[in-house]
Protein backbone atom coordinates (compact mmCIF):
# COMPACT_ATOMS: atom_id res chain seq x y z
CA MET A 1 -73.70 -96.56 39.81
CA LEU A 2 -77.25 -97.79 39.03
CA LEU A 3 -78.54 -96.37 42.30
CA VAL A 4 -77.01 -92.95 41.58
CA GLY A 5 -78.45 -92.95 38.02
CA VAL A 6 -81.96 -93.89 39.21
CA THR A 7 -81.83 -91.21 41.91
CA ALA A 8 -80.81 -88.55 39.37
CA PHE A 9 -83.66 -89.60 37.03
CA LEU A 10 -86.32 -89.54 39.75
CA PHE A 11 -85.31 -86.05 40.88
CA SER A 12 -84.61 -84.66 37.38
CA SER A 13 -87.68 -82.36 37.37
CA GLN A 14 -86.73 -80.90 40.76
CA ILE A 15 -83.17 -80.39 39.54
CA ILE A 16 -84.33 -78.57 36.38
CA SER A 17 -86.78 -76.38 38.34
CA TYR A 18 -84.03 -75.42 40.74
CA TYR A 19 -81.72 -74.67 37.82
CA LYS A 20 -84.35 -72.37 36.21
CA LEU A 21 -84.95 -70.57 39.50
CA GLN A 22 -81.25 -69.91 39.93
CA ILE A 23 -80.94 -68.44 36.41
CA ALA A 24 -83.99 -66.19 36.95
CA ASN A 25 -82.65 -64.92 40.27
CA HIS A 26 -79.27 -64.24 38.67
CA VAL A 27 -80.87 -62.19 35.83
CA LYS A 28 -83.00 -60.21 38.29
CA LYS A 29 -80.00 -59.48 40.46
CA SER A 30 -78.06 -58.20 37.42
CA TYR A 31 -80.66 -55.48 36.73
CA GLN A 32 -81.40 -54.63 40.37
CA ARG A 33 -78.86 -51.80 40.31
CA ILE A 34 -81.12 -49.79 37.98
CA VAL A 35 -83.75 -49.65 40.73
CA THR A 36 -81.32 -49.11 43.60
CA GLY A 37 -79.79 -46.22 41.64
CA THR A 38 -82.98 -44.21 42.20
CA HIS A 39 -82.91 -44.46 45.98
CA ASP A 40 -80.93 -41.24 46.25
CA GLY A 41 -83.58 -39.35 44.23
CA THR A 42 -82.04 -39.93 40.81
CA ASP A 43 -84.55 -40.18 37.96
CA ILE A 44 -85.13 -43.69 36.64
CA VAL A 45 -84.03 -42.69 33.14
CA GLU A 46 -80.78 -41.27 34.44
CA SER A 47 -80.19 -44.36 36.54
CA ALA A 48 -80.85 -46.55 33.47
CA LYS A 49 -78.32 -44.54 31.40
CA ARG A 50 -75.64 -44.94 34.04
CA PHE A 51 -76.32 -48.67 34.24
CA TYR A 52 -76.13 -49.13 30.47
CA GLU A 53 -72.87 -47.17 30.21
CA LYS A 54 -71.26 -49.79 32.43
CA ASN A 55 -73.16 -52.81 31.07
CA HIS A 56 -73.48 -52.62 27.27
CA SER A 57 -74.07 -56.36 27.05
CA LEU A 58 -77.30 -56.22 29.08
CA PRO A 59 -80.28 -55.05 26.95
CA PHE A 60 -83.48 -53.91 28.62
CA VAL A 61 -86.57 -51.70 28.30
CA ILE A 62 -88.29 -49.60 30.94
CA ARG A 63 -92.01 -48.96 30.48
CA ASP A 64 -94.54 -47.09 32.50
CA LYS A 65 -97.87 -48.53 33.51
CA GLU A 66 -99.52 -47.25 30.31
CA GLY A 67 -97.08 -49.23 28.18
CA ASN A 68 -95.03 -46.27 27.00
CA THR A 69 -91.30 -46.79 26.67
CA ILE A 70 -89.35 -44.61 29.10
CA PHE A 71 -85.93 -45.96 28.20
CA ALA A 72 -84.64 -48.61 25.86
CA THR A 73 -81.16 -49.78 24.98
CA PRO A 74 -80.17 -49.70 21.27
CA GLU A 75 -80.22 -53.49 21.05
CA THR A 76 -83.97 -53.65 21.72
CA ASN A 77 -85.38 -53.11 18.19
CA LEU A 78 -86.13 -56.79 17.77
CA PHE A 79 -86.93 -56.84 21.43
CA ASP A 80 -89.70 -54.26 20.86
CA ASN A 81 -91.13 -56.47 18.13
CA GLU A 82 -91.17 -59.40 20.50
CA ILE A 83 -93.09 -57.29 23.01
CA ASP A 84 -95.60 -55.96 20.54
CA SER A 85 -96.21 -59.12 18.52
CA ASN A 86 -97.68 -62.31 19.87
CA THR A 87 -96.35 -64.12 16.81
CA ALA A 88 -92.75 -62.93 17.20
CA PRO A 89 -90.20 -65.75 17.23
CA GLY A 90 -88.26 -66.70 20.31
CA PRO A 91 -89.21 -66.68 23.97
CA PRO A 92 -91.37 -63.81 25.35
CA PRO A 93 -89.71 -60.98 27.29
CA TYR A 94 -89.17 -61.45 30.99
CA THR A 95 -90.05 -58.88 33.67
CA VAL A 96 -87.15 -58.48 36.06
CA TYR A 97 -88.78 -55.66 38.03
CA HIS A 98 -92.46 -54.91 38.52
CA GLY A 99 -92.91 -51.62 40.34
CA ALA A 100 -95.76 -49.21 41.12
CA GLU A 101 -94.68 -46.74 38.41
CA TYR A 102 -92.69 -48.74 35.87
CA ASP A 103 -91.56 -52.21 34.83
CA ILE A 104 -88.16 -53.38 33.60
CA LEU A 105 -88.23 -56.04 30.90
CA VAL A 106 -85.41 -58.01 29.33
CA PRO A 107 -85.24 -60.28 26.27
CA GLY A 108 -86.58 -63.75 26.97
CA ASP A 109 -83.50 -65.41 25.48
CA LEU A 110 -81.49 -64.21 28.49
CA LEU A 111 -83.31 -66.96 30.36
CA THR A 112 -82.62 -69.61 27.72
CA TYR A 113 -81.60 -72.67 29.61
CA ASP A 114 -78.43 -74.44 28.58
CA TYR A 115 -79.68 -77.98 29.13
CA LYS A 116 -76.60 -79.42 27.45
CA GLY A 117 -74.36 -77.65 29.94
CA LEU A 118 -76.69 -78.64 32.77
CA THR A 119 -76.56 -82.26 31.64
CA LYS A 120 -72.77 -82.17 31.57
CA ARG A 121 -72.65 -80.70 35.06
CA ILE A 122 -75.10 -83.30 36.36
CA ILE A 123 -73.04 -86.10 34.81
CA VAL A 124 -69.87 -84.70 36.34
CA LEU A 125 -71.68 -84.39 39.68
CA VAL A 126 -72.96 -87.97 39.44
CA PHE A 127 -69.51 -89.32 38.68
CA ALA A 128 -68.02 -87.21 41.46
CA VAL A 129 -70.59 -88.59 43.93
CA LEU A 130 -69.90 -92.10 42.61
CA ALA A 131 -66.14 -91.64 42.97
CA ILE A 132 -66.51 -90.33 46.51
CA SER A 133 -68.87 -93.19 47.35
CA LEU A 134 -66.46 -95.79 45.96
CA PHE A 135 -63.54 -94.21 47.81
CA ALA A 136 -65.55 -94.12 51.05
CA ALA A 137 -66.60 -97.74 50.49
CA PHE A 138 -62.97 -98.72 49.88
CA ILE A 139 -61.79 -97.01 53.08
CA TYR A 140 -64.68 -98.53 55.02
CA ALA A 141 -63.94 -101.99 53.60
CA ARG A 142 -60.27 -101.65 54.53
CA HIS A 143 -61.16 -100.75 58.10
CA ILE A 144 -63.67 -103.62 58.26
CA LEU A 145 -61.12 -106.10 56.90
CA LYS A 146 -58.45 -104.79 59.26
CA PHE A 147 -60.87 -105.04 62.18
CA LYS A 148 -61.89 -108.55 61.08
CA TYR A 149 -58.22 -109.54 60.79
CA GLU A 150 -57.51 -108.21 64.27
CA ILE A 151 -60.48 -110.14 65.68
CA GLU A 152 -59.40 -113.36 63.94
CA ARG A 153 -55.82 -112.83 65.07
CA GLU A 154 -56.98 -112.27 68.64
CA GLN A 155 -59.17 -115.37 68.48
CA GLN A 156 -56.29 -117.40 67.05
CA LEU A 157 -53.95 -116.12 69.77
CA THR A 158 -56.52 -116.97 72.44
CA GLU A 159 -57.00 -120.44 70.99
CA THR A 160 -53.23 -120.97 70.80
CA GLN A 161 -52.80 -119.91 74.41
CA ARG A 162 -55.68 -122.13 75.49
CA TYR A 163 -54.17 -125.10 73.67
CA PHE A 164 -50.70 -124.34 75.05
CA PHE A 165 -51.82 -124.16 78.68
CA SER A 166 -53.98 -127.25 78.24
CA ALA A 167 -51.04 -129.16 76.75
CA VAL A 168 -48.66 -127.96 79.48
CA SER A 169 -51.09 -129.06 82.17
CA HIS A 170 -51.42 -132.48 80.58
CA GLU A 171 -47.66 -132.92 80.12
CA LEU A 172 -46.91 -131.98 83.73
CA LYS A 173 -49.76 -133.99 85.21
CA THR A 174 -48.49 -137.39 84.00
CA PRO A 175 -45.00 -137.29 85.59
CA ILE A 176 -46.35 -135.68 88.76
CA ALA A 177 -48.85 -138.54 89.10
CA ALA A 178 -46.04 -141.05 88.52
CA MET A 179 -43.90 -139.44 91.23
CA SER A 180 -46.84 -139.46 93.61
CA VAL A 181 -47.26 -143.22 93.14
CA LEU A 182 -43.55 -143.82 93.73
CA LEU A 183 -43.44 -141.66 96.87
CA GLU A 184 -46.61 -143.19 98.30
CA GLY A 185 -45.22 -146.68 97.73
CA MET A 186 -41.96 -145.78 99.46
CA LEU A 187 -43.80 -144.19 102.39
CA ALA A 188 -45.91 -147.33 102.76
CA ASN A 189 -42.69 -149.35 102.51
CA VAL A 190 -44.39 -152.17 100.63
CA GLY A 191 -43.10 -154.64 98.05
CA ASP A 192 -40.39 -153.48 95.69
CA TYR A 193 -40.83 -149.89 96.93
CA LYS A 194 -38.70 -150.80 99.96
CA ASP A 195 -35.73 -150.21 97.67
CA HIS A 196 -35.79 -146.47 98.34
CA PRO A 197 -32.56 -145.50 96.50
CA LYS A 198 -33.82 -147.11 93.30
CA TYR A 199 -37.13 -145.23 93.28
CA LEU A 200 -35.65 -141.99 94.54
CA ARG A 201 -33.42 -142.08 91.49
CA GLU A 202 -36.56 -142.56 89.36
CA CYS A 203 -38.18 -139.56 91.04
CA LEU A 204 -35.05 -137.49 90.46
CA LYS A 205 -35.05 -138.53 86.79
CA LEU A 206 -38.67 -137.38 86.44
CA ILE A 207 -37.92 -134.09 88.21
CA ASN A 208 -34.95 -133.38 85.91
CA SER A 209 -37.12 -134.15 82.89
CA GLN A 210 -39.78 -131.69 84.08
CA LYS A 211 -37.12 -129.12 84.89
CA GLU A 212 -35.87 -129.32 81.31
CA MET A 213 -39.43 -129.06 79.97
CA ILE A 214 -40.20 -125.98 82.08
CA SER A 215 -36.96 -124.39 80.90
CA GLU A 216 -38.03 -124.98 77.29
CA ILE A 217 -41.50 -123.55 77.97
CA LEU A 218 -39.96 -120.39 79.44
CA GLU A 219 -37.66 -120.15 76.42
CA ILE A 220 -40.65 -120.33 74.05
CA VAL A 221 -42.50 -117.65 76.04
CA SER A 222 -39.45 -115.36 75.99
CA LEU A 223 -39.02 -115.81 72.23
CA SER A 224 -42.73 -115.18 71.60
CA GLU A 225 -42.68 -111.98 73.66
CA GLY A 226 -39.49 -110.70 71.99
CA LYS A 227 -37.49 -110.77 75.23
CA ILE A 228 -34.62 -112.59 73.51
CA VAL A 229 -32.96 -110.17 71.09
CA PRO A 230 -30.66 -111.70 68.44
CA ALA A 231 -27.02 -110.56 68.42
CA ILE A 232 -26.22 -110.91 64.73
CA GLU A 233 -22.66 -111.90 63.83
CA LYS A 234 -20.72 -113.10 60.81
CA LEU A 235 -20.52 -116.89 61.13
CA SER A 236 -18.86 -119.77 59.30
CA ILE A 237 -21.71 -122.16 58.53
CA GLU A 238 -19.26 -125.04 58.14
CA GLN A 239 -17.95 -124.47 61.67
CA ILE A 240 -21.46 -124.20 63.11
CA VAL A 241 -22.50 -127.54 61.57
CA THR A 242 -19.27 -129.24 62.69
CA ASP A 243 -19.69 -128.07 66.30
CA ILE A 244 -23.29 -129.32 66.44
CA LEU A 245 -22.64 -132.75 64.90
CA GLN A 246 -20.05 -133.58 67.58
CA ASN A 247 -22.96 -134.12 69.95
CA TYR A 248 -24.89 -136.47 67.68
CA HIS A 249 -22.41 -138.76 65.92
CA ALA A 250 -22.37 -141.26 68.81
CA LEU A 251 -26.17 -141.28 69.08
CA ALA A 252 -26.53 -141.77 65.32
CA GLU A 253 -24.00 -144.63 65.25
CA THR A 254 -25.88 -146.39 68.04
CA ASP A 255 -28.96 -146.57 65.79
CA GLY A 256 -26.91 -147.44 62.73
CA LEU A 257 -27.47 -144.03 61.13
CA ARG A 258 -25.10 -142.26 58.74
CA ILE A 259 -24.67 -138.47 58.79
CA THR A 260 -23.19 -136.97 55.64
CA THR A 261 -22.40 -133.30 55.09
CA ASN A 262 -21.58 -131.15 52.08
CA ILE A 263 -20.91 -127.61 53.30
CA PRO A 264 -18.39 -125.63 51.19
CA CYS A 265 -15.51 -124.09 53.12
CA GLY A 266 -15.53 -120.33 53.53
CA VAL A 267 -19.31 -119.74 53.36
CA THR A 268 -20.31 -117.11 55.92
CA VAL A 269 -23.78 -116.05 57.02
CA LEU A 270 -25.33 -113.48 59.35
CA ALA A 271 -27.07 -114.84 62.45
CA ASP A 272 -26.98 -115.03 66.23
CA PRO A 273 -24.50 -117.90 66.91
CA GLN A 274 -26.23 -119.28 70.01
CA MET A 275 -29.73 -119.03 68.53
CA LEU A 276 -28.66 -120.61 65.24
CA LYS A 277 -26.91 -123.47 67.06
CA ARG A 278 -29.98 -123.99 69.23
CA ALA A 279 -32.32 -124.18 66.24
CA LEU A 280 -30.04 -126.36 64.10
CA SER A 281 -29.29 -128.66 67.04
CA ASN A 282 -33.01 -129.31 67.56
CA VAL A 283 -33.47 -129.99 63.82
CA VAL A 284 -30.60 -132.51 63.78
CA LEU A 285 -31.82 -134.18 66.99
CA ASN A 286 -35.31 -134.47 65.50
CA ALA A 287 -33.80 -136.05 62.36
CA VAL A 288 -31.74 -138.54 64.41
CA GLN A 289 -34.73 -139.53 66.53
CA ASN A 290 -37.07 -140.02 63.56
CA THR A 291 -34.82 -141.69 60.98
CA PRO A 292 -35.23 -145.48 60.72
CA SER A 293 -32.28 -147.72 61.60
CA ASP A 294 -29.63 -147.91 58.86
CA GLY A 295 -31.03 -144.68 57.42
CA GLU A 296 -29.12 -141.59 56.39
CA ILE A 297 -29.16 -137.94 57.43
CA ARG A 298 -27.84 -135.52 54.84
CA ILE A 299 -26.80 -131.97 55.58
CA TRP A 300 -25.85 -129.60 52.75
CA GLY A 301 -26.02 -126.00 51.63
CA GLU A 302 -26.85 -124.22 48.38
CA MET A 303 -27.40 -120.71 47.09
CA VAL A 304 -31.01 -119.63 46.61
CA SER A 305 -31.27 -116.09 45.26
CA ASP A 306 -29.29 -113.93 47.72
CA LYS A 307 -29.67 -116.41 50.61
CA TYR A 308 -27.71 -119.47 51.66
CA ARG A 309 -30.11 -122.38 52.13
CA LEU A 310 -29.04 -124.88 54.77
CA CYS A 311 -30.81 -128.24 54.35
CA VAL A 312 -31.27 -131.23 56.66
CA LEU A 313 -32.81 -134.38 55.14
CA ASN A 314 -33.66 -137.55 57.04
CA THR A 315 -34.28 -140.40 54.63
CA GLY A 316 -36.72 -143.29 54.76
CA VAL A 317 -39.67 -141.40 56.28
CA LYS A 318 -42.77 -139.65 55.01
CA ILE A 319 -45.17 -137.43 56.92
CA PRO A 320 -48.74 -136.68 55.75
CA ASP A 321 -48.88 -133.17 54.29
CA ASP A 322 -51.71 -132.15 56.62
CA VAL A 323 -49.60 -133.17 59.63
CA LEU A 324 -46.44 -131.23 58.68
CA PRO A 325 -47.65 -127.79 59.95
CA LYS A 326 -48.81 -129.35 63.24
CA LEU A 327 -45.28 -130.53 64.05
CA PHE A 328 -44.45 -126.96 65.10
CA ASP A 329 -47.30 -126.93 67.64
CA PRO A 330 -46.19 -127.35 71.27
CA PHE A 331 -46.26 -130.98 72.47
CA TYR A 332 -47.51 -132.34 69.15
CA ARG A 333 -46.22 -135.85 68.49
CA ILE A 334 -47.07 -138.21 65.65
CA ASP A 335 -46.35 -141.28 67.80
CA LYS A 336 -47.08 -140.10 71.33
CA ALA A 337 -46.17 -143.35 73.11
CA ARG A 338 -42.85 -143.74 71.27
CA SER A 339 -41.95 -140.07 71.70
CA ARG A 340 -42.44 -140.11 75.48
CA LYS A 341 -40.47 -143.32 75.76
CA ASN A 342 -37.54 -141.73 73.90
CA GLY A 343 -37.73 -138.65 76.08
CA HIS A 344 -39.18 -136.29 73.47
CA SER A 345 -40.64 -133.18 75.09
CA GLY A 346 -42.59 -132.23 71.98
CA LEU A 347 -41.18 -128.69 72.11
CA GLY A 348 -38.11 -129.04 69.89
CA LEU A 349 -39.61 -127.82 66.62
CA THR A 350 -41.62 -125.14 68.44
CA ILE A 351 -38.32 -123.73 69.73
CA VAL A 352 -36.89 -123.96 66.19
CA GLN A 353 -39.86 -122.01 64.82
CA LYS A 354 -39.76 -119.26 67.46
CA THR A 355 -35.97 -118.95 67.28
CA LEU A 356 -35.80 -118.58 63.49
CA GLU A 357 -38.76 -116.20 63.47
CA ALA A 358 -36.99 -114.04 66.06
CA MET A 359 -34.02 -113.77 63.65
CA GLY A 360 -36.25 -113.18 60.62
CA ILE A 361 -35.07 -116.37 58.91
CA GLN A 362 -37.43 -118.12 56.50
CA PHE A 363 -37.74 -121.90 56.90
CA ALA A 364 -39.92 -124.87 56.00
CA LEU A 365 -40.47 -128.55 56.71
CA GLU A 366 -41.63 -130.54 53.70
CA ASN A 367 -41.71 -133.97 52.14
CA ALA A 368 -38.98 -134.73 49.59
CA PRO A 369 -38.74 -137.69 47.17
CA ASP A 370 -36.46 -139.64 49.52
CA GLY A 371 -37.47 -138.37 52.96
CA VAL A 372 -38.40 -135.31 55.00
CA LEU A 373 -36.51 -132.08 54.32
CA PHE A 374 -36.03 -129.11 56.65
CA TRP A 375 -34.45 -125.97 55.18
CA MET A 376 -33.66 -122.48 56.40
CA ASP A 377 -32.57 -119.48 54.29
CA LEU A 378 -29.70 -117.67 55.99
CA PRO A 379 -28.61 -114.15 54.99
CA ARG A 380 -25.22 -114.09 53.30
CA SER A 381 -22.56 -111.85 54.79
CA SER A 382 -20.62 -109.35 52.72
CA PRO A 383 -17.25 -110.62 51.41
């Protein structure tokens, strides 16, 4: 705004001069028909009469080179005084045509400049330019921000892919190195490695573990690329939870864990049954594996707005708030040694994240007063 105002001030004299020139040209053009009316041989007086008959609002006087009046409109009495008296009030008459035989003069007030109107027009023009500039700046800023967002998103995607491939390489390298040692020992037939069946079983165990990991990696890739399309159905959330817990009761009892549920009968939600079971199964397994002995895992549901929130709480643990988001990263483990020993692939919560995102289900992992809480908001089905 300041820049536009300064620019208008610096060029104000040029603007006013241009404005005056335009008014003068307009007045001259208005009376030009008197002269052009004589091109067919018509006398100048006759041409002036014809012009005045059609333009009573335009006063003028025609004088020869000796100063004698050839023709004058009735409104030019005061006009004559202005011509003849140097002390007459108002602006001097203005010559709109200066010819070899006669001149055409008009009252000087026809060229009175409406500076107030000019000022208004300039202000309107300034604000119009300002508005256009602001709009252009807004559009430009939007494109810049969108472009910046796309660049940052691309950089984040590249960094995520780099981290993912680096982590995959590291996770596969360790068991492959272990199998190499076992096979080399058996081929050399030295020491305890002479017991081939024992170490072949170890190799097979490692191979099966890597097979499962590769399967999970392919699942994550398919979910990320949208190759797995959810088949939404009306589901009983109580039945889903019951089916999943059948696989974990024995494991929980081995560690002295208690699993309690509070899911009302008859609550139905909309989700892909296999995808929901896969996600919830990984959440429950994660809770079982990370709850201290003699701890408790609570599973319940509650209404939140128009969604049904399914909650899984494992008690007796706390996770630093800055670590919570990292738990969804592939192969991230808080206790890496303990996780590998227990057979954790480090992909469970990544699969949960990708699966729920594919179904458009909101979720979160957060610290609660008595443990770590995972919740997901499931769409309610129509009655």
